[in-house]
Amino acid sequence: MGPHAAFIWLSYAAVTVTVIGLILWLLADGWKQRAELAALERQGVKRRSSH
């Protein structure tokens, strides 16, 4: 890889950590949205798309 191997590996590691972080954030947000939607439906609030 040459003299820049450390930079290349650190860059790959940074991208990997960032992508994994984004995936985890999206999963957590999806779970939160589902929980909030379920709470609203329990209160009797219905979705506008379900006429």
Protein backbone atom coordinates (compact mmCIF):
# COMPACT_ATOMS: atom_id res chain seq x y z
CA MET A 1 0.00 0.00 0.00
CA GLY A 2 2.97 2.25 0.28
CA PRO A 3 3.76 5.13 2.56
CA HIS A 4 0.11 6.16 2.93
CA ALA A 5 -1.18 2.85 4.29
CA ALA A 6 -1.93 4.24 7.75
CA PHE A 7 -3.99 7.08 6.30
CA ILE A 8 -5.88 4.69 4.03
CA TRP A 9 -6.69 2.26 6.87
CA LEU A 10 -7.76 5.09 9.18
CA SER A 11 -10.00 6.44 6.42
CA TYR A 12 -11.61 3.04 5.91
CA ALA A 13 -12.13 2.73 9.68
CA ALA A 14 -13.70 6.20 9.90
CA VAL A 15 -16.10 5.44 7.05
CA THR A 16 -17.01 2.08 8.58
CA VAL A 17 -17.74 3.62 11.99
CA THR A 18 -19.78 6.40 10.36
CA VAL A 19 -21.88 4.01 8.25
CA ILE A 20 -22.51 1.68 11.20
CA GLY A 21 -23.49 4.69 13.30
CA LEU A 22 -25.95 5.87 10.66
CA ILE A 23 -27.50 2.40 10.36
CA LEU A 24 -27.92 2.14 14.14
CA TRP A 25 -29.40 5.64 14.28
CA LEU A 26 -31.91 4.78 11.54
CA LEU A 27 -32.92 1.55 13.29
CA ALA A 28 -33.37 3.32 16.63
CA ASP A 29 -35.40 6.09 14.99
CA GLY A 30 -37.61 3.52 13.25
CA TRP A 31 -38.30 1.77 16.55
CA LYS A 32 -39.08 5.12 18.18
CA GLN A 33 -41.45 6.12 15.35
CA ARG A 34 -43.28 2.78 15.55
CA ALA A 35 -43.68 3.16 19.31
CA GLU A 36 -45.01 6.72 18.96
CA LEU A 37 -47.43 5.64 16.22
CA ALA A 38 -48.69 2.76 18.35
CA ALA A 39 -49.23 5.15 21.28
CA LEU A 40 -51.21 7.52 19.08
CA GLU A 41 -53.33 4.68 17.70
CA ARG A 42 -54.06 3.50 21.26
CA GLN A 43 -55.31 7.03 22.00
CA GLY A 44 -57.68 6.79 19.07
CA VAL A 45 -55.76 8.96 16.63
CA LYS A 46 -55.95 7.37 13.18
CA ARG A 47 -53.75 7.80 10.15
CA ARG A 48 -55.08 10.16 7.52
CA SER A 49 -54.25 7.67 4.77
CA SER A 50 -56.59 5.02 6.21
CA HIS A 51 -59.98 6.50 5.31
